[in-house]
């Protein structure tokens, strides 16, 4: 999912990055760099957390008992 979010972020900023106004273009590039940095940090930080959760719960099954049907 993060690669798709990154592509969406870049696609959304294209018109601002190509702006004739230098300040708008620089601001869009700084925003894009910050957004990509946050997405990468979430991605790289989330993968080990999910791996640890998977290892911690390996082999455990959640059994939800169904209510018995009412007597006829």
PDB file of N, CA and C in Angstrom:
ATOM      1  N   UNK A   1       0.806  -1.204   0.000  1.00  0.00           N
ATOM      2  CA  UNK A   1       0.000   0.000   0.000  1.00  0.00           C
ATOM      3  C   UNK A   1       0.851   1.271   0.000  1.00  0.00           C
ATOM      4  N   UNK A   2       1.916   1.366   0.802  1.00  0.00           N
ATOM      5  CA  UNK A   2       2.705   2.596   0.764  1.00  0.00           C
ATOM      6  C   UNK A   2       3.247   2.966  -0.615  1.00  0.00           C
ATOM      7  N   UNK A   3       3.691   2.015  -1.456  1.00  0.00           N
ATOM      8  CA  UNK A   3       4.122   2.463  -2.789  1.00  0.00           C
ATOM      9  C   UNK A   3       2.998   3.141  -3.562  1.00  0.00           C
ATOM     10  N   UNK A   4       1.761   2.657  -3.403  1.00  0.00           N
ATOM     11  CA  UNK A   4       0.639   3.308  -4.079  1.00  0.00           C
ATOM     12  C   UNK A   4       0.376   4.690  -3.492  1.00  0.00           C
ATOM     13  N   UNK A   5       0.505   4.817  -2.178  1.00  0.00           N
ATOM     14  CA  UNK A   5       0.334   6.135  -1.557  1.00  0.00           C
ATOM     15  C   UNK A   5       1.412   7.100  -2.029  1.00  0.00           C
ATOM     16  N   UNK A   6       2.633   6.585  -2.187  1.00  0.00           N
ATOM     17  CA  UNK A   6       3.720   7.442  -2.658  1.00  0.00           C
ATOM     18  C   UNK A   6       3.465   7.919  -4.081  1.00  0.00           C
ATOM     19  N   UNK A   7       2.998   7.011  -4.932  1.00  0.00           N
ATOM     20  CA  UNK A   7       2.693   7.412  -6.304  1.00  0.00           C
ATOM     21  C   UNK A   7       1.563   8.435  -6.324  1.00  0.00           C
ATOM     22  N   UNK A   8       0.571   8.238  -5.473  1.00  0.00           N
ATOM     23  CA  UNK A   8      -0.526   9.197  -5.395  1.00  0.00           C
ATOM     24  C   UNK A   8      -0.066  10.554  -4.910  1.00  0.00           C
ATOM     25  N   UNK A   9       0.855  10.562  -3.936  1.00  0.00           N
ATOM     26  CA  UNK A   9       1.391  11.828  -3.430  1.00  0.00           C
ATOM     27  C   UNK A   9       2.143  12.554  -4.532  1.00  0.00           C
ATOM     28  N   UNK A  10       2.966  11.821  -5.267  1.00  0.00           N
ATOM     29  CA  UNK A  10       3.737  12.444  -6.349  1.00  0.00           C
ATOM     30  C   UNK A  10       2.815  12.945  -7.455  1.00  0.00           C
ATOM     31  N   UNK A  11       1.790  12.172  -7.791  1.00  0.00           N
ATOM     32  CA  UNK A  11       0.870  12.577  -8.850  1.00  0.00           C
ATOM     33  C   UNK A  11       0.083  13.818  -8.443  1.00  0.00           C
ATOM     34  N   UNK A  12      -0.264  13.917  -7.178  1.00  0.00           N
ATOM     35  CA  UNK A  12      -1.028  15.068  -6.711  1.00  0.00           C
ATOM     36  C   UNK A  12      -0.228  16.355  -6.659  1.00  0.00           C
ATOM     37  N   UNK A  13       1.081  16.249  -6.543  1.00  0.00           N
ATOM     38  CA  UNK A  13       1.926  17.437  -6.414  1.00  0.00           C
ATOM     39  C   UNK A  13       2.510  17.922  -7.736  1.00  0.00           C
ATOM     40  N   UNK A  14       2.309  17.176  -8.805  1.00  0.00           N
ATOM     41  CA  UNK A  14       2.969  17.502 -10.070  1.00  0.00           C
ATOM     42  C   UNK A  14       2.673  18.919 -10.536  1.00  0.00           C
ATOM     43  N   UNK A  15       1.409  19.330 -10.480  1.00  0.00           N
ATOM     44  CA  UNK A  15       1.068  20.671 -10.978  1.00  0.00           C
ATOM     45  C   UNK A  15       1.705  21.763 -10.124  1.00  0.00           C
ATOM     46  N   UNK A  16       1.903  21.507  -8.827  1.00  0.00           N
ATOM     47  CA  UNK A  16       2.527  22.506  -7.955  1.00  0.00           C
ATOM     48  C   UNK A  16       4.044  22.527  -8.128  1.00  0.00           C
ATOM     49  N   UNK A  17       4.648  21.356  -8.310  1.00  0.00           N
ATOM     50  CA  UNK A  17       6.102  21.299  -8.482  1.00  0.00           C
ATOM     51  C   UNK A  17       6.510  21.976  -9.783  1.00  0.00           C
ATOM     52  N   UNK A  18       5.675  21.877 -10.803  1.00  0.00           N
ATOM     53  CA  UNK A  18       5.984  22.485 -12.099  1.00  0.00           C
ATOM     54  C   UNK A  18       5.510  23.939 -12.188  1.00  0.00           C
ATOM     55  N   UNK A  19       5.160  24.529 -11.063  1.00  0.00           N
ATOM     56  CA  UNK A  19       4.651  25.897 -11.041  1.00  0.00           C
ATOM     57  C   UNK A  19       5.732  26.897 -11.454  1.00  0.00           C
ATOM     58  N   UNK A  20       5.293  28.016 -12.032  1.00  0.00           N
ATOM     59  CA  UNK A  20       6.230  29.083 -12.404  1.00  0.00           C
ATOM     60  C   UNK A  20       6.755  29.811 -11.176  1.00  0.00           C
ATOM     61  N   UNK A  21       5.988  29.793 -10.101  1.00  0.00           N
ATOM     62  CA  UNK A  21       6.406  30.442  -8.863  1.00  0.00           C
ATOM     63  C   UNK A  21       7.385  29.528  -8.128  1.00  0.00           C
ATOM     64  N   UNK A  22       8.600  30.035  -7.913  1.00  0.00           N
ATOM     65  CA  UNK A  22       9.643  29.215  -7.287  1.00  0.00           C
ATOM     66  C   UNK A  22       9.288  28.806  -5.864  1.00  0.00           C
ATOM     67  N   UNK A  23       8.643  29.694  -5.120  1.00  0.00           N
ATOM     68  CA  UNK A  23       8.298  29.370  -3.736  1.00  0.00           C
ATOM     69  C   UNK A  23       7.247  28.266  -3.664  1.00  0.00           C
ATOM     70  N   UNK A  24       6.286  28.298  -4.574  1.00  0.00           N
ATOM     71  CA  UNK A  24       5.262  27.249  -4.607  1.00  0.00           C
ATOM     72  C   UNK A  24       5.905  25.913  -4.957  1.00  0.00           C
ATOM     73  N   UNK A  25       6.793  25.927  -5.952  1.00  0.00           N
ATOM     74  CA  UNK A  25       7.461  24.689  -6.361  1.00  0.00           C
ATOM     75  C   UNK A  25       8.320  24.130  -5.229  1.00  0.00           C
ATOM     76  N   UNK A  26       9.063  24.995  -4.552  1.00  0.00           N
ATOM     77  CA  UNK A  26       9.912  24.538  -3.449  1.00  0.00           C
ATOM     78  C   UNK A  26       9.064  24.006  -2.290  1.00  0.00           C
ATOM     79  N   UNK A  27       7.975  24.690  -1.980  1.00  0.00           N
ATOM     80  CA  UNK A  27       7.085  24.215  -0.918  1.00  0.00           C
ATOM     81  C   UNK A  27       6.467  22.866  -1.253  1.00  0.00           C
ATOM     82  N   UNK A  28       6.078  22.683  -2.513  1.00  0.00           N
ATOM     83  CA  UNK A  28       5.508  21.398  -2.922  1.00  0.00           C
ATOM     84  C   UNK A  28       6.545  20.288  -2.832  1.00  0.00           C
ATOM     85  N   UNK A  29       7.785  20.591  -3.211  1.00  0.00           N
ATOM     86  CA  UNK A  29       8.842  19.572  -3.117  1.00  0.00           C
ATOM     87  C   UNK A  29       9.133  19.224  -1.663  1.00  0.00           C
ATOM     88  N   UNK A  30       9.136  20.237  -0.790  1.00  0.00           N
ATOM     89  CA  UNK A  30       9.379  19.970   0.633  1.00  0.00           C
ATOM     90  C   UNK A  30       8.236  19.152   1.236  1.00  0.00           C
ATOM     91  N   UNK A  31       7.002  19.482   0.858  1.00  0.00           N
ATOM     92  CA  UNK A  31       5.863  18.706   1.340  1.00  0.00           C
ATOM     93  C   UNK A  31       5.941  17.268   0.835  1.00  0.00           C
ATOM     94  N   UNK A  32       6.263  17.106  -0.437  1.00  0.00           N
ATOM     95  CA  UNK A  32       6.379  15.762  -1.012  1.00  0.00           C
ATOM     96  C   UNK A  32       7.462  14.948  -0.328  1.00  0.00           C
ATOM     97  N   UNK A  33       8.606  15.582  -0.069  1.00  0.00           N
ATOM     98  CA  UNK A  33       9.697  14.871   0.609  1.00  0.00           C
ATOM     99  C   UNK A  33       9.277  14.476   2.025  1.00  0.00           C
ATOM    100  N   UNK A  34       8.591  15.364   2.718  1.00  0.00           N
ATOM    101  CA  UNK A  34       8.122  15.042   4.067  1.00  0.00           C
ATOM    102  C   UNK A  34       7.085  13.928   4.062  1.00  0.00           C
ATOM    103  N   UNK A  35       6.151  13.984   3.109  1.00  0.00           N
ATOM    104  CA  UNK A  35       5.120  12.941   3.021  1.00  0.00           C
ATOM    105  C   UNK A  35       5.742  11.590   2.706  1.00  0.00           C
ATOM    106  N   UNK A  36       6.689  11.573   1.768  1.00  0.00           N
ATOM    107  CA  UNK A  36       7.356  10.307   1.438  1.00  0.00           C
ATOM    108  C   UNK A  36       8.158   9.787   2.621  1.00  0.00           C
ATOM    109  N   UNK A  37       8.797  10.682   3.355  1.00  0.00           N
ATOM    110  CA  UNK A  37       9.552  10.261   4.536  1.00  0.00           C
ATOM    111  C   UNK A  37       8.657   9.634   5.594  1.00  0.00           C
ATOM    112  N   UNK A  38       7.492  10.237   5.817  1.00  0.00           N
ATOM    113  CA  UNK A  38       6.552   9.684   6.804  1.00  0.00           C
ATOM    114  C   UNK A  38       6.039   8.322   6.351  1.00  0.00           C
ATOM    115  N   UNK A  39       5.699   8.198   5.061  1.00  0.00           N
ATOM    116  CA  UNK A  39       5.210   6.911   4.559  1.00  0.00           C
ATOM    117  C   UNK A  39       6.266   5.822   4.689  1.00  0.00           C
ATOM    118  N   UNK A  40       7.508   6.156   4.347  1.00  0.00           N
ATOM    119  CA  UNK A  40       8.587   5.164   4.479  1.00  0.00           C
ATOM    120  C   UNK A  40       8.814   4.790   5.932  1.00  0.00           C
ATOM    121  N   UNK A  41       8.759   5.768   6.828  1.00  0.00           N
ATOM    122  CA  UNK A  41       8.971   5.472   8.251  1.00  0.00           C
ATOM    123  C   UNK A  41       7.870   4.555   8.781  1.00  0.00           C
ATOM    124  N   UNK A  42       6.620   4.823   8.406  1.00  0.00           N
ATOM    125  CA  UNK A  42       5.524   3.960   8.840  1.00  0.00           C
ATOM    126  C   UNK A  42       5.677   2.553   8.282  1.00  0.00           C
ATOM    127  N   UNK A  43       6.067   2.473   7.017  1.00  0.00           N
ATOM    128  CA  UNK A  43       6.242   1.174   6.363  1.00  0.00           C
ATOM    129  C   UNK A  43       7.378   0.396   7.023  1.00  0.00           C
ATOM    130  N   UNK A  44       8.523   1.038   7.170  1.00  0.00           N
ATOM    131  CA  UNK A  44       9.688   0.342   7.722  1.00  0.00           C
ATOM    132  C   UNK A  44       9.534   0.055   9.211  1.00  0.00           C
ATOM    133  N   UNK A  45       8.797   0.873   9.916  1.00  0.00           N
ATOM    134  CA  UNK A  45       8.566   0.608  11.334  1.00  0.00           C
ATOM    135  C   UNK A  45       7.456  -0.404  11.565  1.00  0.00           C
ATOM    136  N   UNK A  46       6.490  -0.449  10.661  1.00  0.00           N
ATOM    137  CA  UNK A  46       5.353  -1.347  10.838  1.00  0.00           C
ATOM    138  C   UNK A  46       5.644  -2.795  10.513  1.00  0.00           C
ATOM    139  N   UNK A  47       6.529  -3.033   9.566  1.00  0.00           N
ATOM    140  CA  UNK A  47       6.824  -4.415   9.167  1.00  0.00           C
ATOM    141  C   UNK A  47       7.411  -5.225  10.326  1.00  0.00           C
ATOM    142  N   UNK A  48       8.436  -4.729  11.042  1.00  0.00           N
ATOM    143  CA  UNK A  48       8.940  -5.520  12.175  1.00  0.00           C
ATOM    144  C   UNK A  48       7.901  -5.709  13.287  1.00  0.00           C
ATOM    145  N   UNK A  49       7.068  -4.702  13.513  1.00  0.00           N
ATOM    146  CA  UNK A  49       6.031  -4.830  14.544  1.00  0.00           C
ATOM    147  C   UNK A  49       5.051  -5.939  14.163  1.00  0.00           C
ATOM    148  N   UNK A  50       4.627  -5.955  12.904  1.00  0.00           N
ATOM    149  CA  UNK A  50       3.714  -7.007  12.465  1.00  0.00           C
ATOM    150  C   UNK A  50       4.378  -8.375  12.520  1.00  0.00           C
ATOM    151  N   UNK A  51       5.669  -8.442  12.186  1.00  0.00           N
ATOM    152  CA  UNK A  51       6.397  -9.715  12.259  1.00  0.00           C
ATOM    153  C   UNK A  51       6.469 -10.213  13.704  1.00  0.00           C
ATOM    154  N   UNK A  52       6.734  -9.316  14.644  1.00  0.00           N
ATOM    155  CA  UNK A  52       6.776  -9.715  16.053  1.00  0.00           C
ATOM    156  C   UNK A  52       5.404 -10.176  16.551  1.00  0.00           C
ATOM    157  N   UNK A  53       4.367  -9.481  16.142  1.00  0.00           N
ATOM    158  CA  UNK A  53       3.017  -9.906  16.523  1.00  0.00           C
ATOM    159  C   UNK A  53       2.685 -11.276  15.942  1.00  0.00           C
ATOM    160  N   UNK A  54       3.116 -11.505  14.709  1.00  0.00           N
ATOM    161  CA  UNK A  54       2.867 -12.799  14.084  1.00  0.00           C
ATOM    162  C   UNK A  54       3.599 -13.909  14.833  1.00  0.00           C
ATOM    163  N   UNK A  55       4.853 -13.649  15.203  1.00  0.00           N
ATOM    164  CA  UNK A  55       5.614 -14.657  15.940  1.00  0.00           C
ATOM    165  C   UNK A  55       5.040 -14.881  17.338  1.00  0.00           C
ATOM    166  N   UNK A  56       4.575 -13.825  17.971  1.00  0.00           N
ATOM    167  CA  UNK A  56       4.039 -13.947  19.328  1.00  0.00           C
ATOM    168  C   UNK A  56       2.730 -14.729  19.363  1.00  0.00           C
ATOM    169  N   UNK A  57       1.964 -14.665  18.292  1.00  0.00           N
ATOM    170  CA  UNK A  57       0.660 -15.331  18.281  1.00  0.00           C
ATOM    171  C   UNK A  57       0.662 -16.583  17.417  1.00  0.00           C
ATOM    172  N   UNK A  58       1.825 -17.046  17.003  1.00  0.00           N
ATOM    173  CA  UNK A  58       1.913 -18.206  16.113  1.00  0.00           C
ATOM    174  C   UNK A  58       1.351 -19.451  16.801  1.00  0.00           C
ATOM    175  N   UNK A  59       0.505 -20.156  16.116  1.00  0.00           N
ATOM    176  CA  UNK A  59      -0.029 -21.397  16.644  1.00  0.00           C
ATOM    177  C   UNK A  59      -1.223 -21.242  17.558  1.00  0.00           C
ATOM    178  N   UNK A  60      -1.602 -20.032  17.869  1.00  0.00           N
ATOM    179  CA  UNK A  60      -2.754 -19.829  18.751  1.00  0.00           C
ATOM    180  C   UNK A  60      -3.996 -19.629  17.901  1.00  0.00           C
ATOM    181  N   UNK A  61      -5.025 -20.282  18.279  1.00  0.00           N
ATOM    182  CA  UNK A  61      -6.272 -20.157  17.530  1.00  0.00           C
ATOM    183  C   UNK A  61      -7.326 -19.535  18.435  1.00  0.00           C
ATOM    184  N   UNK A  62      -8.063 -18.638  17.872  1.00  0.00           N
ATOM    185  CA  UNK A  62      -9.157 -18.012  18.605  1.00  0.00           C
ATOM    186  C   UNK A  62     -10.420 -18.814  18.330  1.00  0.00           C
ATOM    187  N   UNK A  63     -10.990 -19.375  19.371  1.00  0.00           N
ATOM    188  CA  UNK A  63     -12.199 -20.178  19.214  1.00  0.00           C
ATOM    189  C   UNK A  63     -13.354 -19.408  19.840  1.00  0.00           C
ATOM    190  N   UNK A  64     -14.317 -19.110  19.031  1.00  0.00           N
ATOM    191  CA  UNK A  64     -15.511 -18.421  19.509  1.00  0.00           C
ATOM    192  C   UNK A  64     -16.638 -19.445  19.518  1.00  0.00           C
ATOM    193  N   UNK A  65     -17.116 -19.752  20.705  1.00  0.00           N
ATOM    194  CA  UNK A  65     -18.170 -20.755  20.815  1.00  0.00           C
ATOM    195  C   UNK A  65     -19.507 -20.137  20.447  1.00  0.00           C
ATOM    196  N   UNK A  66     -20.269 -20.906  19.695  1.00  0.00           N
ATOM    197  CA  UNK A  66     -21.592 -20.449  19.295  1.00  0.00           C
ATOM    198  C   UNK A  66     -22.587 -20.772  20.400  1.00  0.00           C
ATOM    199  N   UNK A  67     -23.568 -19.934  20.505  1.00  0.00           N
ATOM    200  CA  UNK A  67     -24.623 -20.186  21.486  1.00  0.00           C
ATOM    201  C   UNK A  67     -25.413 -21.416  21.062  1.00  0.00           C
ATOM    202  N   UNK A  68     -25.786 -22.216  22.035  1.00  0.00           N
ATOM    203  CA  UNK A  68     -26.555 -23.419  21.697  1.00  0.00           C
ATOM    204  C   UNK A  68     -27.961 -23.011  21.265  1.00  0.00           C
ATOM    205  N   UNK A  69     -28.515 -23.753  20.322  1.00  0.00           N
ATOM    206  CA  UNK A  69     -29.863 -23.393  19.853  1.00  0.00           C
ATOM    207  C   UNK A  69     -30.891 -23.588  20.970  1.00  0.00           C
ATOM    208  N   UNK A  70     -31.932 -22.782  20.966  1.00  0.00           N
ATOM    209  CA  UNK A  70     -32.959 -22.920  22.013  1.00  0.00           C
ATOM    210  C   UNK A  70     -33.673 -24.267  21.886  1.00  0.00           C
ATOM    211  N   UNK A  71     -34.091 -24.812  23.009  1.00  0.00           N
ATOM    212  CA  UNK A  71     -34.801 -26.105  22.944  1.00  0.00           C
ATOM    213  C   UNK A  71     -36.114 -25.969  22.170  1.00  0.00           C
ATOM    214  N   UNK A  72     -36.439 -27.014  21.440  1.00  0.00           N
ATOM    215  CA  UNK A  72     -37.645 -26.977  20.595  1.00  0.00           C
ATOM    216  C   UNK A  72     -38.904 -27.198  21.379  1.00  0.00           C
TER     217      UNK A  72
END
